[in-house]
Each structure stands twice: as structure tokens, then as C-alpha cells.
N, C-alpha and C. Protein backbone atom coordinates (compact mmCIF):
# COMPACT_ATOMS: atom_id res chain seq x y z
N MET A 1 3.26 10.91 -3.51
CA MET A 1 3.10 9.57 -4.05
C MET A 1 2.46 9.60 -5.44
N GLU A 2 2.92 10.56 -6.22
CA GLU A 2 2.40 10.69 -7.58
C GLU A 2 2.59 9.43 -8.41
N TRP A 3 3.67 8.73 -8.18
CA TRP A 3 3.93 7.53 -8.96
C TRP A 3 2.86 6.47 -8.72
N ILE A 4 2.29 6.44 -7.52
CA ILE A 4 1.19 5.50 -7.25
C ILE A 4 -0.07 5.96 -7.97
N ASP A 5 -0.30 7.27 -8.00
CA ASP A 5 -1.43 7.80 -8.78
C ASP A 5 -1.31 7.35 -10.23
N ASP A 6 -0.09 7.39 -10.78
CA ASP A 6 0.13 6.98 -12.17
C ASP A 6 -0.17 5.49 -12.37
N ILE A 7 0.21 4.67 -11.40
CA ILE A 7 -0.08 3.23 -11.50
C ILE A 7 -1.59 3.00 -11.52
N VAL A 8 -2.30 3.66 -10.61
CA VAL A 8 -3.76 3.49 -10.54
C VAL A 8 -4.42 3.98 -11.83
N LEU A 9 -4.02 5.16 -12.29
CA LEU A 9 -4.60 5.69 -13.53
C LEU A 9 -4.31 4.76 -14.71
N GLY A 10 -3.10 4.21 -14.77
CA GLY A 10 -2.74 3.29 -15.84
C GLY A 10 -3.58 2.02 -15.81
N LEU A 11 -3.81 1.50 -14.60
CA LEU A 11 -4.66 0.31 -14.45
C LEU A 11 -6.07 0.57 -14.96
N VAL A 12 -6.64 1.66 -14.47
CA VAL A 12 -8.02 1.99 -14.84
C VAL A 12 -8.12 2.23 -16.34
N ASP A 13 -7.11 2.89 -16.90
CA ASP A 13 -7.10 3.16 -18.33
C ASP A 13 -6.97 1.87 -19.14
N GLU A 14 -6.06 1.01 -18.73
CA GLU A 14 -5.81 -0.22 -19.49
C GLU A 14 -6.95 -1.22 -19.40
N PHE A 15 -7.53 -1.37 -18.20
CA PHE A 15 -8.55 -2.40 -18.01
C PHE A 15 -9.97 -1.85 -17.91
N ASN A 16 -10.10 -0.54 -17.95
CA ASN A 16 -11.39 0.14 -17.93
C ASN A 16 -12.23 -0.22 -16.70
N THR A 17 -11.56 -0.40 -15.57
CA THR A 17 -12.26 -0.67 -14.32
C THR A 17 -11.34 -0.34 -13.16
N ASN A 18 -11.96 -0.04 -12.02
CA ASN A 18 -11.18 0.08 -10.78
C ASN A 18 -11.64 -1.00 -9.79
N ASP A 19 -12.40 -1.96 -10.27
CA ASP A 19 -12.89 -3.05 -9.44
C ASP A 19 -11.74 -4.01 -9.12
N VAL A 20 -11.41 -4.13 -7.86
CA VAL A 20 -10.24 -4.92 -7.45
C VAL A 20 -10.37 -6.39 -7.83
N TYR A 21 -11.57 -6.93 -7.82
CA TYR A 21 -11.78 -8.33 -8.20
C TYR A 21 -11.47 -8.53 -9.68
N GLU A 22 -11.97 -7.62 -10.51
CA GLU A 22 -11.71 -7.70 -11.94
C GLU A 22 -10.23 -7.50 -12.23
N LEU A 23 -9.60 -6.55 -11.55
CA LEU A 23 -8.18 -6.29 -11.78
C LEU A 23 -7.33 -7.50 -11.40
N CYS A 24 -7.63 -8.12 -10.29
CA CYS A 24 -6.89 -9.32 -9.91
C CYS A 24 -7.05 -10.40 -10.96
N ASP A 25 -8.25 -10.53 -11.50
CA ASP A 25 -8.50 -11.50 -12.55
C ASP A 25 -7.68 -11.17 -13.80
N TYR A 26 -7.72 -9.92 -14.25
CA TYR A 26 -6.96 -9.50 -15.42
C TYR A 26 -5.45 -9.71 -15.22
N LEU A 27 -4.98 -9.47 -14.01
CA LEU A 27 -3.55 -9.56 -13.71
C LEU A 27 -3.12 -10.97 -13.29
N ASN A 28 -4.06 -11.89 -13.32
CA ASN A 28 -3.80 -13.30 -12.98
C ASN A 28 -3.30 -13.46 -11.54
N ILE A 29 -3.90 -12.68 -10.64
CA ILE A 29 -3.61 -12.80 -9.21
C ILE A 29 -4.81 -13.49 -8.59
N SER A 30 -4.62 -14.69 -8.08
CA SER A 30 -5.75 -15.41 -7.52
C SER A 30 -6.10 -14.89 -6.12
N ILE A 31 -7.38 -14.95 -5.81
CA ILE A 31 -7.89 -14.55 -4.50
C ILE A 31 -8.38 -15.82 -3.82
N ARG A 32 -7.85 -16.08 -2.64
CA ARG A 32 -8.23 -17.29 -1.91
C ARG A 32 -8.67 -16.91 -0.51
N ARG A 33 -9.88 -17.28 -0.16
CA ARG A 33 -10.43 -17.01 1.17
C ARG A 33 -10.06 -18.15 2.11
N LEU A 34 -9.64 -17.78 3.31
CA LEU A 34 -9.22 -18.77 4.30
C LEU A 34 -9.97 -18.53 5.60
N PRO A 35 -10.16 -19.58 6.39
CA PRO A 35 -10.76 -19.38 7.72
C PRO A 35 -9.87 -18.46 8.56
N SER A 36 -10.49 -17.74 9.47
CA SER A 36 -9.75 -16.76 10.27
C SER A 36 -8.66 -17.38 11.12
N ASP A 37 -8.77 -18.66 11.43
CA ASP A 37 -7.75 -19.31 12.26
C ASP A 37 -6.64 -19.97 11.43
N ASN A 38 -6.62 -19.75 10.13
CA ASN A 38 -5.60 -20.34 9.28
C ASN A 38 -4.23 -19.79 9.65
N ILE A 39 -3.26 -20.66 9.76
CA ILE A 39 -1.90 -20.29 10.19
C ILE A 39 -1.24 -19.30 9.22
N LEU A 40 -1.58 -19.37 7.95
CA LEU A 40 -0.99 -18.47 6.97
C LEU A 40 -1.32 -17.01 7.26
N LEU A 41 -2.55 -16.77 7.73
CA LEU A 41 -2.95 -15.39 8.01
C LEU A 41 -2.37 -14.87 9.32
N LYS A 42 -2.10 -15.75 10.27
CA LYS A 42 -1.51 -15.35 11.55
C LYS A 42 -2.22 -14.12 12.14
N ASP A 43 -3.52 -14.19 12.27
CA ASP A 43 -4.34 -13.11 12.82
C ASP A 43 -4.35 -11.85 11.97
N LYS A 44 -4.03 -11.96 10.69
CA LYS A 44 -4.07 -10.84 9.76
C LYS A 44 -5.34 -10.94 8.92
N ALA A 45 -5.74 -9.84 8.32
CA ALA A 45 -6.92 -9.85 7.46
C ALA A 45 -6.60 -10.33 6.05
N GLY A 46 -5.36 -10.12 5.61
CA GLY A 46 -4.98 -10.53 4.26
C GLY A 46 -3.49 -10.75 4.16
N PHE A 47 -3.11 -11.46 3.10
CA PHE A 47 -1.70 -11.80 2.90
C PHE A 47 -1.44 -11.90 1.40
N TYR A 48 -0.46 -11.15 0.90
CA TYR A 48 -0.07 -11.23 -0.51
C TYR A 48 1.15 -12.12 -0.63
N TYR A 49 1.17 -12.96 -1.68
CA TYR A 49 2.28 -13.88 -1.88
C TYR A 49 2.65 -13.96 -3.36
N ARG A 50 3.94 -13.83 -3.63
CA ARG A 50 4.48 -14.02 -4.98
C ARG A 50 5.57 -15.08 -4.86
N ASP A 51 5.49 -16.14 -5.70
CA ASP A 51 6.53 -17.15 -5.62
C ASP A 51 7.66 -16.83 -6.59
N PHE A 52 8.64 -17.68 -6.65
CA PHE A 52 9.82 -17.41 -7.46
C PHE A 52 9.56 -17.51 -8.96
N GLU A 53 8.41 -18.05 -9.33
CA GLU A 53 8.02 -18.10 -10.74
C GLU A 53 6.99 -17.03 -11.07
N ASP A 54 6.86 -16.05 -10.19
CA ASP A 54 5.95 -14.92 -10.33
C ASP A 54 4.47 -15.28 -10.34
N ASN A 55 4.10 -16.44 -9.78
CA ASN A 55 2.69 -16.74 -9.53
C ASN A 55 2.28 -15.93 -8.32
N GLU A 56 1.12 -15.31 -8.39
CA GLU A 56 0.70 -14.43 -7.31
C GLU A 56 -0.66 -14.82 -6.76
N ALA A 57 -0.81 -14.61 -5.45
CA ALA A 57 -2.09 -14.90 -4.79
C ALA A 57 -2.28 -13.93 -3.64
N ILE A 58 -3.53 -13.62 -3.39
CA ILE A 58 -3.91 -12.88 -2.19
C ILE A 58 -4.79 -13.80 -1.37
N PHE A 59 -4.35 -14.05 -0.16
CA PHE A 59 -5.12 -14.85 0.79
C PHE A 59 -5.83 -13.86 1.70
N ILE A 60 -7.13 -14.08 1.90
CA ILE A 60 -7.91 -13.12 2.69
C ILE A 60 -8.80 -13.88 3.67
N LYS A 61 -8.98 -13.28 4.82
CA LYS A 61 -9.82 -13.89 5.85
C LYS A 61 -11.25 -13.98 5.35
N ASN A 62 -11.83 -15.15 5.45
CA ASN A 62 -13.21 -15.38 5.07
C ASN A 62 -14.15 -14.64 6.03
N GLY A 63 -15.20 -14.07 5.52
CA GLY A 63 -16.22 -13.46 6.36
C GLY A 63 -16.01 -11.99 6.69
N LEU A 64 -15.05 -11.33 6.04
CA LEU A 64 -14.88 -9.89 6.28
C LEU A 64 -16.07 -9.13 5.71
N HIS A 65 -16.38 -7.99 6.30
CA HIS A 65 -17.41 -7.12 5.74
C HIS A 65 -16.99 -6.77 4.31
N PRO A 66 -17.92 -6.72 3.36
CA PRO A 66 -17.55 -6.47 1.96
C PRO A 66 -16.68 -5.23 1.73
N SER A 67 -16.96 -4.13 2.43
CA SER A 67 -16.14 -2.94 2.21
C SER A 67 -14.73 -3.13 2.75
N LEU A 68 -14.58 -3.82 3.88
CA LEU A 68 -13.26 -4.10 4.41
C LEU A 68 -12.53 -5.09 3.50
N GLU A 69 -13.23 -6.09 2.99
CA GLU A 69 -12.61 -7.03 2.07
C GLU A 69 -12.07 -6.32 0.84
N ARG A 70 -12.85 -5.41 0.26
CA ARG A 70 -12.39 -4.66 -0.91
C ARG A 70 -11.14 -3.85 -0.58
N PHE A 71 -11.15 -3.21 0.60
CA PHE A 71 -10.00 -2.40 0.99
C PHE A 71 -8.76 -3.29 1.17
N VAL A 72 -8.91 -4.40 1.86
CA VAL A 72 -7.78 -5.30 2.10
C VAL A 72 -7.25 -5.85 0.77
N LEU A 73 -8.14 -6.27 -0.12
CA LEU A 73 -7.71 -6.76 -1.43
C LEU A 73 -6.98 -5.66 -2.20
N SER A 74 -7.49 -4.45 -2.14
CA SER A 74 -6.84 -3.33 -2.83
C SER A 74 -5.46 -3.05 -2.23
N HIS A 75 -5.38 -3.13 -0.91
CA HIS A 75 -4.10 -2.93 -0.23
C HIS A 75 -3.09 -3.98 -0.70
N GLU A 76 -3.50 -5.23 -0.74
CA GLU A 76 -2.60 -6.31 -1.16
C GLU A 76 -2.24 -6.19 -2.64
N LEU A 77 -3.18 -5.77 -3.46
CA LEU A 77 -2.87 -5.51 -4.87
C LEU A 77 -1.85 -4.37 -4.97
N GLY A 78 -1.94 -3.41 -4.07
CA GLY A 78 -0.95 -2.34 -4.03
C GLY A 78 0.45 -2.88 -3.79
N HIS A 79 0.57 -3.86 -2.91
CA HIS A 79 1.88 -4.49 -2.72
C HIS A 79 2.36 -5.14 -4.02
N ALA A 80 1.46 -5.83 -4.70
CA ALA A 80 1.83 -6.53 -5.93
C ALA A 80 2.36 -5.56 -6.98
N LEU A 81 1.76 -4.39 -7.06
CA LEU A 81 2.11 -3.46 -8.14
C LEU A 81 3.09 -2.36 -7.74
N CYS A 82 3.10 -1.99 -6.49
CA CYS A 82 3.97 -0.89 -6.05
C CYS A 82 5.25 -1.37 -5.40
N ASN A 83 5.25 -2.56 -4.87
CA ASN A 83 6.41 -3.10 -4.16
C ASN A 83 6.82 -4.42 -4.82
N THR A 84 7.24 -4.33 -6.06
CA THR A 84 7.47 -5.53 -6.86
C THR A 84 8.65 -6.38 -6.38
N ASP A 85 9.47 -5.86 -5.49
CA ASP A 85 10.57 -6.66 -4.93
C ASP A 85 10.12 -7.52 -3.77
N LEU A 86 8.95 -7.26 -3.23
CA LEU A 86 8.44 -8.04 -2.11
C LEU A 86 7.92 -9.39 -2.60
N LEU A 87 8.24 -10.43 -1.87
CA LEU A 87 7.68 -11.74 -2.18
C LEU A 87 6.42 -12.00 -1.39
N ASN A 88 6.25 -11.29 -0.26
CA ASN A 88 5.01 -11.43 0.51
C ASN A 88 4.83 -10.22 1.42
N ALA A 89 3.59 -10.00 1.80
CA ALA A 89 3.24 -8.91 2.71
C ALA A 89 1.90 -9.24 3.34
N ALA A 90 1.73 -8.86 4.59
CA ALA A 90 0.48 -9.15 5.30
C ALA A 90 -0.22 -7.87 5.69
N PHE A 91 -1.55 -7.90 5.71
CA PHE A 91 -2.35 -6.75 6.12
C PHE A 91 -2.85 -6.97 7.53
N SER A 92 -2.60 -6.01 8.37
CA SER A 92 -3.21 -6.01 9.70
C SER A 92 -3.73 -4.61 9.94
N LEU A 93 -4.54 -4.45 10.95
CA LEU A 93 -5.13 -3.14 11.19
C LEU A 93 -4.15 -2.17 11.85
N CYS A 94 -2.94 -2.59 12.10
CA CYS A 94 -1.94 -1.68 12.67
C CYS A 94 -0.68 -1.67 11.80
N ASN A 95 -0.88 -1.69 10.48
CA ASN A 95 0.25 -1.67 9.56
C ASN A 95 1.11 -0.45 9.78
N LYS A 96 2.42 -0.65 9.70
CA LYS A 96 3.37 0.45 9.84
C LYS A 96 4.44 0.29 8.79
N GLY A 97 5.11 1.37 8.49
CA GLY A 97 6.23 1.31 7.56
C GLY A 97 5.89 1.86 6.20
N LYS A 98 6.95 2.12 5.43
CA LYS A 98 6.83 2.74 4.12
C LYS A 98 5.99 1.93 3.15
N PHE A 99 6.26 0.62 3.04
CA PHE A 99 5.52 -0.20 2.09
C PHE A 99 4.04 -0.30 2.45
N GLU A 100 3.75 -0.35 3.74
CA GLU A 100 2.35 -0.42 4.19
C GLU A 100 1.62 0.88 3.89
N LYS A 101 2.30 2.00 4.11
CA LYS A 101 1.69 3.30 3.81
C LYS A 101 1.42 3.42 2.31
N GLN A 102 2.35 2.95 1.48
CA GLN A 102 2.15 2.98 0.04
C GLN A 102 0.97 2.10 -0.38
N ALA A 103 0.87 0.92 0.21
CA ALA A 103 -0.23 0.02 -0.13
C ALA A 103 -1.57 0.60 0.32
N ASN A 104 -1.61 1.24 1.49
CA ASN A 104 -2.84 1.90 1.94
C ASN A 104 -3.21 3.04 0.99
N TYR A 105 -2.23 3.84 0.60
CA TYR A 105 -2.48 4.94 -0.33
C TYR A 105 -3.04 4.40 -1.65
N PHE A 106 -2.43 3.32 -2.15
CA PHE A 106 -2.92 2.68 -3.36
C PHE A 106 -4.39 2.27 -3.21
N ALA A 107 -4.72 1.67 -2.07
CA ALA A 107 -6.10 1.24 -1.82
C ALA A 107 -7.07 2.41 -1.80
N PHE A 108 -6.67 3.52 -1.17
CA PHE A 108 -7.52 4.71 -1.17
C PHE A 108 -7.74 5.21 -2.59
N LYS A 109 -6.67 5.29 -3.37
CA LYS A 109 -6.77 5.79 -4.73
C LYS A 109 -7.58 4.86 -5.63
N LEU A 110 -7.31 3.56 -5.55
CA LEU A 110 -8.01 2.60 -6.40
C LEU A 110 -9.51 2.62 -6.12
N ASN A 111 -9.87 2.74 -4.86
CA ASN A 111 -11.29 2.75 -4.48
C ASN A 111 -11.91 4.13 -4.58
N ASP A 112 -11.14 5.10 -5.08
CA ASP A 112 -11.62 6.47 -5.30
C ASP A 112 -12.27 7.04 -4.04
N ILE A 113 -11.59 6.83 -2.92
CA ILE A 113 -12.09 7.34 -1.65
C ILE A 113 -11.70 8.80 -1.52
N ASN A 114 -12.71 9.63 -1.50
CA ASN A 114 -12.50 11.07 -1.40
C ASN A 114 -13.15 11.57 -0.12
N PHE A 115 -12.68 12.69 0.33
CA PHE A 115 -13.16 13.25 1.58
C PHE A 115 -13.82 14.61 1.31
N ASP A 116 -15.10 14.70 1.62
CA ASP A 116 -15.84 15.96 1.50
C ASP A 116 -15.66 16.70 2.81
N LYS A 117 -14.85 17.75 2.78
CA LYS A 117 -14.53 18.48 4.01
C LYS A 117 -15.77 19.05 4.69
N VAL A 118 -16.74 19.48 3.91
CA VAL A 118 -17.97 20.05 4.50
C VAL A 118 -18.77 18.94 5.19
N GLU A 119 -18.94 17.82 4.51
CA GLU A 119 -19.72 16.71 5.07
C GLU A 119 -19.06 16.12 6.32
N LEU A 120 -17.72 16.09 6.34
CA LEU A 120 -17.00 15.46 7.43
C LEU A 120 -16.58 16.44 8.53
N ASP A 121 -16.89 17.70 8.37
CA ASP A 121 -16.49 18.72 9.34
C ASP A 121 -17.03 18.39 10.73
N GLY A 122 -16.16 18.43 11.71
CA GLY A 122 -16.54 18.18 13.08
C GLY A 122 -16.52 16.72 13.49
N MET A 123 -16.27 15.82 12.55
CA MET A 123 -16.23 14.40 12.87
C MET A 123 -14.85 14.02 13.40
N SER A 124 -14.83 13.02 14.26
CA SER A 124 -13.55 12.47 14.71
C SER A 124 -12.98 11.61 13.58
N LEU A 125 -11.71 11.28 13.68
CA LEU A 125 -11.09 10.43 12.67
C LEU A 125 -11.76 9.05 12.61
N GLU A 126 -12.17 8.55 13.77
CA GLU A 126 -12.88 7.26 13.80
C GLU A 126 -14.22 7.36 13.07
N GLN A 127 -14.91 8.48 13.24
CA GLN A 127 -16.19 8.66 12.55
C GLN A 127 -15.98 8.79 11.04
N VAL A 128 -14.92 9.48 10.65
CA VAL A 128 -14.60 9.62 9.22
C VAL A 128 -14.32 8.23 8.63
N ALA A 129 -13.51 7.43 9.33
CA ALA A 129 -13.19 6.09 8.85
C ALA A 129 -14.46 5.27 8.65
N THR A 130 -15.37 5.36 9.60
CA THR A 130 -16.65 4.64 9.49
C THR A 130 -17.45 5.18 8.31
N CYS A 131 -17.47 6.47 8.13
CA CYS A 131 -18.25 7.11 7.06
C CYS A 131 -17.76 6.69 5.67
N VAL A 132 -16.45 6.56 5.50
CA VAL A 132 -15.91 6.20 4.19
C VAL A 132 -15.59 4.71 4.08
N ASN A 133 -15.95 3.94 5.11
CA ASN A 133 -15.79 2.48 5.12
C ASN A 133 -14.35 2.01 4.92
N VAL A 134 -13.44 2.58 5.72
CA VAL A 134 -12.05 2.13 5.70
C VAL A 134 -11.58 1.89 7.14
N PRO A 135 -10.57 1.07 7.31
CA PRO A 135 -10.05 0.85 8.66
C PRO A 135 -9.47 2.14 9.25
N TYR A 136 -9.77 2.38 10.50
CA TYR A 136 -9.29 3.57 11.18
C TYR A 136 -7.77 3.70 11.10
N GLN A 137 -7.05 2.60 11.35
CA GLN A 137 -5.58 2.66 11.36
C GLN A 137 -5.04 3.01 10.00
N ALA A 138 -5.67 2.56 8.92
CA ALA A 138 -5.22 2.91 7.56
C ALA A 138 -5.40 4.39 7.30
N LEU A 139 -6.51 4.93 7.75
CA LEU A 139 -6.76 6.35 7.60
C LEU A 139 -5.79 7.17 8.44
N LEU A 140 -5.56 6.75 9.66
CA LEU A 140 -4.62 7.43 10.53
C LEU A 140 -3.23 7.45 9.92
N GLN A 141 -2.81 6.34 9.36
CA GLN A 141 -1.49 6.26 8.75
C GLN A 141 -1.40 7.17 7.51
N LEU A 142 -2.47 7.30 6.78
CA LEU A 142 -2.48 8.12 5.58
C LEU A 142 -2.24 9.59 5.91
N ILE A 143 -2.77 10.05 7.02
CA ILE A 143 -2.65 11.48 7.34
C ILE A 143 -1.43 11.81 8.20
N THR A 144 -0.73 10.79 8.70
CA THR A 144 0.44 11.08 9.53
C THR A 144 1.73 10.92 8.77
């Protein structure tokens, strides 16, 4: 997924930040928090939407833990930049498929999530996910 690495490096180079909130602002992608029972989210943590005039928004469940919120926003931004033919995409903790794997990879790269093999040696995948503050299913999908 070198092409995704190039997108992330280009973003960081152009805007001098990897902060997902700042990047959404620079890219004119609005972030809207919704109650967890909102029909648009349909039990998902986040939802990316692009209309026919290329207005973009990320809808995210209100009240997520800050690290999960950053990951979900990064994942949805990944859809916006890596899957430009998509008009919408939703984040759930059991994402599957090529586009979801690409968006998860984008989120890992944007958030500069690295794995110290020595520090994580002997940990279960669930423990690693907790240690690096990412959803277990996203981590599982990344390595499979």
C-alpha cells in the first residue's frame, strides 16, 4: 500500500500536520457529531459522505473516547482521499473489504502508529490494540 504512504506523506508535507482535525479543516471536510442513536450512523461509529457537488462531511458518534474518535476520523478521511469514487462509507468495529482495509491502513499511517516489537513481545493482539489505542478489529484486519 505504498500509494497510501505517498498520500499521507503528501498531506503532512503540504499542510505541515498529521492532526486529523486540522486536515479536515484544511480540506474543507466538516466534522459533525451525532447522538449514538441517530439513524444516519445505524450503530456505526462514523460515516463519511460526499454529495454530488463534492461537499464532504464526516459524521461521528458523540462521546467516543478521544483516541477512538481520532482513529475513526482518520479512517473516514482515508475514504475521502483513497477511495475518491465512493460517495459514502461507514465505520464499524467489524469493517471488512478492500476499501475498509485501505482506510484502516491510512488511519494507522496518519496517526503514526508504530509497533515496538520488544515492548509488545508476548502480548495478545487485544493487548497490543489497547496499548496503541486502536480498535482490535482494525488491527486484526491490518495483519490479515
